[in-house]
Amino acid sequence: MAQYAVLIYAHDSAHAPDATPDDLATCDEHSDELVADGSMVAAFALTPRDMATSIRGDAVTDGPFIDSKEVVAGFYVLEAPDLDAALAIAGRNPVVHDGGGVEVRPIHSGFIGERGNPGNS
């Protein structure tokens, strides 16, 4: 089955270090649904944009790579029989109904090493 990356674009990430379970409930429910139907392969939530550090050339700056209305708030990998099915699955992401959006891309290749799970440390 083909794999697709789903990039989540939002005003910012809901996954701040001080986020409460209530803050993350909608995200967690959606994730649980994808796990239950067997389509989610991996998922990673990113921290808010003010925790980013960017590098361009020799310059290192605080903040996201570009100043924009939306940032990549997280991403996940799903398995689906084809792009249409992947779009249907990704379209259920709650951010789509909260003013953000998702981008779906077929995965060409990938690697997750033995220490591939960043955990909660």
N, C-alpha and C. Protein backbone atom coordinates (compact mmCIF):
# COMPACT_ATOMS: atom_id res chain seq x y z
N MET A 1 0.85 -1.17 0.00
CA MET A 1 0.00 0.00 0.00
C MET A 1 0.90 1.24 0.00
N ALA A 2 0.48 2.28 -0.69
CA ALA A 2 1.27 3.51 -0.79
C ALA A 2 1.24 4.29 0.52
N GLN A 3 2.30 5.03 0.75
CA GLN A 3 2.37 5.90 1.94
C GLN A 3 2.35 7.36 1.51
N TYR A 4 1.71 8.18 2.34
CA TYR A 4 1.56 9.60 2.07
C TYR A 4 1.92 10.40 3.31
N ALA A 5 2.64 11.50 3.11
CA ALA A 5 2.93 12.43 4.19
C ALA A 5 1.80 13.45 4.22
N VAL A 6 1.30 13.73 5.40
CA VAL A 6 0.26 14.75 5.59
C VAL A 6 0.89 15.84 6.45
N LEU A 7 1.13 17.00 5.84
CA LEU A 7 1.70 18.14 6.56
C LEU A 7 0.55 19.01 7.04
N ILE A 8 0.54 19.32 8.32
CA ILE A 8 -0.55 20.07 8.94
C ILE A 8 -0.14 21.54 9.04
N TYR A 9 -0.90 22.42 8.39
CA TYR A 9 -0.63 23.85 8.42
C TYR A 9 -1.68 24.53 9.30
N ALA A 10 -1.22 25.32 10.25
CA ALA A 10 -2.11 26.04 11.15
C ALA A 10 -1.46 27.35 11.55
N HIS A 11 -2.22 28.19 12.25
CA HIS A 11 -1.65 29.43 12.77
C HIS A 11 -0.45 29.14 13.65
N ASP A 12 -0.54 28.08 14.43
CA ASP A 12 0.57 27.63 15.27
C ASP A 12 0.24 26.24 15.78
N SER A 13 1.17 25.62 16.44
CA SER A 13 0.96 24.29 16.99
C SER A 13 0.21 24.38 18.31
N ALA A 14 -0.68 23.44 18.54
CA ALA A 14 -1.38 23.36 19.82
C ALA A 14 -0.53 22.65 20.86
N HIS A 15 0.61 22.13 20.46
CA HIS A 15 1.43 21.27 21.32
C HIS A 15 2.53 22.05 22.05
N ALA A 16 2.12 23.04 22.78
CA ALA A 16 3.06 23.80 23.62
C ALA A 16 3.44 22.95 24.83
N PRO A 17 4.61 23.20 25.41
CA PRO A 17 5.01 22.42 26.59
C PRO A 17 3.98 22.44 27.72
N ASP A 18 3.21 23.52 27.83
CA ASP A 18 2.23 23.62 28.90
C ASP A 18 0.80 23.27 28.45
N ALA A 19 0.66 22.62 27.29
CA ALA A 19 -0.66 22.25 26.79
C ALA A 19 -1.32 21.25 27.74
N THR A 20 -2.61 21.39 27.91
CA THR A 20 -3.37 20.49 28.76
C THR A 20 -4.05 19.42 27.90
N PRO A 21 -4.51 18.35 28.50
CA PRO A 21 -5.26 17.35 27.73
C PRO A 21 -6.46 17.95 27.01
N ASP A 22 -7.12 18.93 27.61
CA ASP A 22 -8.25 19.58 26.95
C ASP A 22 -7.79 20.32 25.70
N ASP A 23 -6.60 20.94 25.74
CA ASP A 23 -6.06 21.66 24.58
C ASP A 23 -5.84 20.71 23.40
N LEU A 24 -5.52 19.47 23.70
CA LEU A 24 -5.13 18.52 22.67
C LEU A 24 -6.21 17.49 22.34
N ALA A 25 -7.36 17.59 22.96
CA ALA A 25 -8.40 16.56 22.82
C ALA A 25 -8.79 16.30 21.37
N THR A 26 -9.04 17.34 20.59
CA THR A 26 -9.46 17.16 19.21
C THR A 26 -8.37 16.48 18.39
N CYS A 27 -7.12 16.91 18.59
CA CYS A 27 -5.99 16.29 17.88
C CYS A 27 -5.87 14.82 18.26
N ASP A 28 -5.98 14.52 19.54
CA ASP A 28 -5.84 13.16 20.01
C ASP A 28 -6.96 12.26 19.50
N GLU A 29 -8.19 12.79 19.45
CA GLU A 29 -9.32 12.00 18.95
C GLU A 29 -9.09 11.63 17.48
N HIS A 30 -8.64 12.61 16.69
CA HIS A 30 -8.38 12.34 15.27
C HIS A 30 -7.28 11.29 15.12
N SER A 31 -6.21 11.44 15.88
CA SER A 31 -5.11 10.49 15.83
C SER A 31 -5.59 9.09 16.21
N ASP A 32 -6.38 9.00 17.27
CA ASP A 32 -6.91 7.71 17.70
C ASP A 32 -7.75 7.05 16.61
N GLU A 33 -8.54 7.86 15.88
CA GLU A 33 -9.34 7.33 14.78
C GLU A 33 -8.46 6.73 13.69
N LEU A 34 -7.38 7.43 13.34
CA LEU A 34 -6.49 6.95 12.29
C LEU A 34 -5.75 5.68 12.71
N VAL A 35 -5.39 5.61 13.98
CA VAL A 35 -4.75 4.39 14.50
C VAL A 35 -5.75 3.24 14.47
N ALA A 36 -6.98 3.51 14.90
CA ALA A 36 -7.99 2.45 14.96
C ALA A 36 -8.33 1.90 13.58
N ASP A 37 -8.34 2.75 12.55
CA ASP A 37 -8.66 2.23 11.21
C ASP A 37 -7.43 1.72 10.47
N GLY A 38 -6.27 1.76 11.13
CA GLY A 38 -5.06 1.16 10.58
C GLY A 38 -4.36 1.97 9.51
N SER A 39 -4.72 3.25 9.35
CA SER A 39 -4.09 4.03 8.28
C SER A 39 -2.87 4.82 8.73
N MET A 40 -2.72 5.12 10.02
CA MET A 40 -1.59 5.91 10.48
C MET A 40 -0.36 5.04 10.70
N VAL A 41 0.75 5.46 10.11
CA VAL A 41 2.02 4.76 10.25
C VAL A 41 2.88 5.43 11.31
N ALA A 42 2.93 6.75 11.29
CA ALA A 42 3.74 7.53 12.24
C ALA A 42 3.15 8.92 12.32
N ALA A 43 3.38 9.60 13.45
CA ALA A 43 2.89 10.97 13.61
C ALA A 43 3.84 11.74 14.50
N PHE A 44 4.02 13.00 14.18
CA PHE A 44 4.89 13.87 14.96
C PHE A 44 4.24 15.24 15.08
N ALA A 45 4.02 15.68 16.31
CA ALA A 45 3.52 17.03 16.57
C ALA A 45 4.73 17.93 16.83
N LEU A 46 4.72 19.09 16.24
CA LEU A 46 5.81 20.03 16.44
C LEU A 46 5.42 21.04 17.51
N THR A 47 6.40 21.62 18.16
CA THR A 47 6.15 22.64 19.17
C THR A 47 5.82 23.96 18.47
N PRO A 48 5.32 24.96 19.22
CA PRO A 48 4.95 26.24 18.61
C PRO A 48 6.11 26.93 17.90
N ARG A 49 5.74 27.82 16.98
CA ARG A 49 6.71 28.52 16.13
C ARG A 49 7.75 29.30 16.91
N ASP A 50 7.42 29.81 18.10
CA ASP A 50 8.41 30.60 18.85
C ASP A 50 9.52 29.73 19.43
N MET A 51 9.39 28.41 19.31
CA MET A 51 10.45 27.51 19.77
C MET A 51 11.38 27.08 18.63
N ALA A 52 11.10 27.56 17.41
CA ALA A 52 11.89 27.17 16.24
C ALA A 52 13.20 27.95 16.18
N THR A 53 14.19 27.34 15.57
CA THR A 53 15.45 27.99 15.22
C THR A 53 15.71 27.67 13.76
N SER A 54 16.02 28.68 12.97
CA SER A 54 16.19 28.48 11.54
C SER A 54 17.62 28.78 11.11
N ILE A 55 18.05 28.10 10.06
CA ILE A 55 19.38 28.30 9.50
C ILE A 55 19.22 28.58 8.01
N ARG A 56 19.83 29.65 7.56
CA ARG A 56 19.87 29.97 6.13
C ARG A 56 21.26 30.49 5.85
N GLY A 57 21.99 29.77 5.03
CA GLY A 57 23.38 30.14 4.79
C GLY A 57 24.16 30.04 6.08
N ASP A 58 24.84 31.12 6.44
CA ASP A 58 25.62 31.14 7.68
C ASP A 58 24.85 31.75 8.85
N ALA A 59 23.60 32.17 8.62
CA ALA A 59 22.83 32.84 9.66
C ALA A 59 21.94 31.87 10.42
N VAL A 60 21.96 31.97 11.74
CA VAL A 60 21.08 31.20 12.61
C VAL A 60 20.18 32.20 13.32
N THR A 61 18.85 32.02 13.20
CA THR A 61 17.91 32.97 13.79
C THR A 61 16.86 32.24 14.60
N ASP A 62 16.30 32.93 15.57
CA ASP A 62 15.18 32.41 16.34
C ASP A 62 13.93 32.53 15.49
N GLY A 63 13.05 31.57 15.63
CA GLY A 63 11.78 31.62 14.93
C GLY A 63 11.75 30.73 13.71
N PRO A 64 10.59 30.68 13.04
CA PRO A 64 10.44 29.81 11.87
C PRO A 64 11.27 30.31 10.69
N PHE A 65 11.42 29.45 9.68
CA PHE A 65 12.21 29.75 8.50
C PHE A 65 11.72 31.01 7.80
N ILE A 66 10.41 31.15 7.67
CA ILE A 66 9.83 32.36 7.08
C ILE A 66 8.71 32.84 8.00
N ASP A 67 8.46 34.13 7.96
CA ASP A 67 7.36 34.69 8.73
C ASP A 67 6.12 34.60 7.87
N SER A 68 5.19 33.75 8.25
CA SER A 68 3.99 33.55 7.46
C SER A 68 2.78 33.41 8.37
N LYS A 69 1.62 33.48 7.76
CA LYS A 69 0.37 33.35 8.51
C LYS A 69 0.24 31.96 9.11
N GLU A 70 0.72 30.95 8.39
CA GLU A 70 0.61 29.57 8.85
C GLU A 70 2.00 28.92 8.90
N VAL A 71 2.14 27.96 9.78
CA VAL A 71 3.38 27.19 9.89
C VAL A 71 3.02 25.71 9.86
N VAL A 72 4.02 24.87 9.63
CA VAL A 72 3.82 23.43 9.74
C VAL A 72 3.74 23.12 11.23
N ALA A 73 2.59 22.68 11.68
CA ALA A 73 2.37 22.40 13.09
C ALA A 73 2.65 20.94 13.44
N GLY A 74 2.70 20.09 12.43
CA GLY A 74 2.98 18.69 12.64
C GLY A 74 2.83 17.94 11.33
N PHE A 75 3.10 16.66 11.37
CA PHE A 75 2.94 15.85 10.18
C PHE A 75 2.73 14.39 10.58
N TYR A 76 2.10 13.64 9.71
CA TYR A 76 1.97 12.22 9.94
C TYR A 76 2.07 11.48 8.62
N VAL A 77 2.33 10.21 8.72
CA VAL A 77 2.43 9.33 7.57
C VAL A 77 1.26 8.36 7.63
N LEU A 78 0.55 8.25 6.52
CA LEU A 78 -0.54 7.30 6.48
C LEU A 78 -0.37 6.37 5.30
N GLU A 79 -1.03 5.24 5.39
CA GLU A 79 -1.07 4.29 4.28
C GLU A 79 -2.47 4.30 3.70
N ALA A 80 -2.53 4.32 2.38
CA ALA A 80 -3.81 4.32 1.68
C ALA A 80 -3.60 3.66 0.32
N PRO A 81 -4.67 3.11 -0.23
CA PRO A 81 -4.53 2.43 -1.52
C PRO A 81 -4.19 3.36 -2.67
N ASP A 82 -4.59 4.63 -2.58
CA ASP A 82 -4.30 5.59 -3.65
C ASP A 82 -4.45 7.01 -3.11
N LEU A 83 -4.12 7.99 -3.96
CA LEU A 83 -4.17 9.40 -3.53
C LEU A 83 -5.57 9.82 -3.13
N ASP A 84 -6.58 9.39 -3.87
CA ASP A 84 -7.95 9.77 -3.51
C ASP A 84 -8.31 9.32 -2.10
N ALA A 85 -7.93 8.10 -1.75
CA ALA A 85 -8.20 7.61 -0.40
C ALA A 85 -7.40 8.39 0.63
N ALA A 86 -6.14 8.72 0.31
CA ALA A 86 -5.31 9.51 1.23
C ALA A 86 -5.92 10.89 1.45
N LEU A 87 -6.43 11.51 0.39
CA LEU A 87 -7.06 12.82 0.51
C LEU A 87 -8.33 12.75 1.37
N ALA A 88 -9.09 11.69 1.21
CA ALA A 88 -10.30 11.53 2.03
C ALA A 88 -9.94 11.39 3.51
N ILE A 89 -8.89 10.62 3.80
CA ILE A 89 -8.46 10.45 5.19
C ILE A 89 -7.92 11.76 5.74
N ALA A 90 -7.04 12.41 5.01
CA ALA A 90 -6.42 13.66 5.48
C ALA A 90 -7.45 14.78 5.62
N GLY A 91 -8.48 14.76 4.80
CA GLY A 91 -9.52 15.78 4.86
C GLY A 91 -10.32 15.75 6.14
N ARG A 92 -10.21 14.67 6.91
CA ARG A 92 -10.92 14.58 8.20
C ARG A 92 -10.14 15.26 9.32
N ASN A 93 -8.91 15.73 9.03
CA ASN A 93 -8.10 16.36 10.07
C ASN A 93 -8.84 17.60 10.60
N PRO A 94 -8.94 17.74 11.92
CA PRO A 94 -9.70 18.86 12.49
C PRO A 94 -9.19 20.24 12.09
N VAL A 95 -7.91 20.38 11.77
CA VAL A 95 -7.38 21.68 11.42
C VAL A 95 -8.03 22.22 10.14
N VAL A 96 -8.48 21.32 9.28
CA VAL A 96 -9.13 21.72 8.03
C VAL A 96 -10.40 22.53 8.33
N HIS A 97 -11.07 22.20 9.42
CA HIS A 97 -12.32 22.87 9.78
C HIS A 97 -12.11 24.02 10.77
N ASP A 98 -10.85 24.25 11.16
CA ASP A 98 -10.53 25.31 12.11
C ASP A 98 -9.71 26.42 11.47
N GLY A 99 -9.77 26.55 10.15
CA GLY A 99 -9.07 27.65 9.49
C GLY A 99 -7.69 27.31 8.96
N GLY A 100 -7.20 26.10 9.21
CA GLY A 100 -5.90 25.69 8.69
C GLY A 100 -6.08 24.78 7.49
N GLY A 101 -5.08 23.99 7.20
CA GLY A 101 -5.18 23.07 6.08
C GLY A 101 -4.14 21.99 6.18
N VAL A 102 -4.22 21.04 5.28
CA VAL A 102 -3.23 19.97 5.20
C VAL A 102 -2.73 19.87 3.77
N GLU A 103 -1.51 19.40 3.65
CA GLU A 103 -0.91 19.12 2.35
C GLU A 103 -0.59 17.63 2.32
N VAL A 104 -0.98 16.95 1.26
CA VAL A 104 -0.76 15.52 1.14
C VAL A 104 0.24 15.27 0.01
N ARG A 105 1.30 14.53 0.34
CA ARG A 105 2.32 14.22 -0.67
C ARG A 105 2.65 12.73 -0.63
N PRO A 106 2.73 12.10 -1.81
CA PRO A 106 3.21 10.73 -1.82
C PRO A 106 4.65 10.67 -1.29
N ILE A 107 4.95 9.63 -0.56
CA ILE A 107 6.31 9.47 -0.03
C ILE A 107 7.13 8.70 -1.05
N HIS A 108 8.28 9.23 -1.36
CA HIS A 108 9.20 8.59 -2.30
C HIS A 108 10.00 7.52 -1.59
N SER A 109 10.60 7.87 -0.46
CA SER A 109 11.42 6.93 0.30
C SER A 109 11.54 7.46 1.71
N GLY A 110 12.05 6.66 2.61
CA GLY A 110 12.18 7.12 3.99
C GLY A 110 13.03 6.18 4.82
N PHE A 111 13.28 6.63 6.03
CA PHE A 111 14.08 5.86 6.98
C PHE A 111 13.74 6.30 8.39
N ILE A 112 13.54 5.37 9.27
CA ILE A 112 13.42 5.63 10.69
C ILE A 112 14.41 4.70 11.37
N GLY A 113 15.40 5.27 12.03
CA GLY A 113 16.43 4.48 12.68
C GLY A 113 15.94 3.83 13.96
N GLU A 114 16.81 3.07 14.58
CA GLU A 114 16.46 2.38 15.82
C GLU A 114 16.01 3.35 16.89
N ARG A 115 16.58 4.54 16.90
CA ARG A 115 16.22 5.54 17.90
C ARG A 115 15.24 6.54 17.30
N GLY A 116 14.38 6.10 16.39
CA GLY A 116 13.49 6.97 15.65
C GLY A 116 12.36 7.59 16.43
N ASN A 117 12.04 7.10 17.62
CA ASN A 117 10.96 7.67 18.41
C ASN A 117 11.51 8.72 19.36
N PRO A 118 11.13 10.00 19.13
CA PRO A 118 11.67 11.05 19.98
C PRO A 118 11.12 11.02 21.40
N GLY A 119 10.04 10.29 21.62
CA GLY A 119 9.49 10.19 22.98
C GLY A 119 9.01 11.52 23.51
N ASN A 120 8.91 11.61 24.79
CA ASN A 120 8.42 12.82 25.44
C ASN A 120 9.48 13.44 26.32
N SER A 121 10.72 13.27 26.00
CA SER A 121 11.78 13.80 26.86
C SER A 121 12.10 15.24 26.58
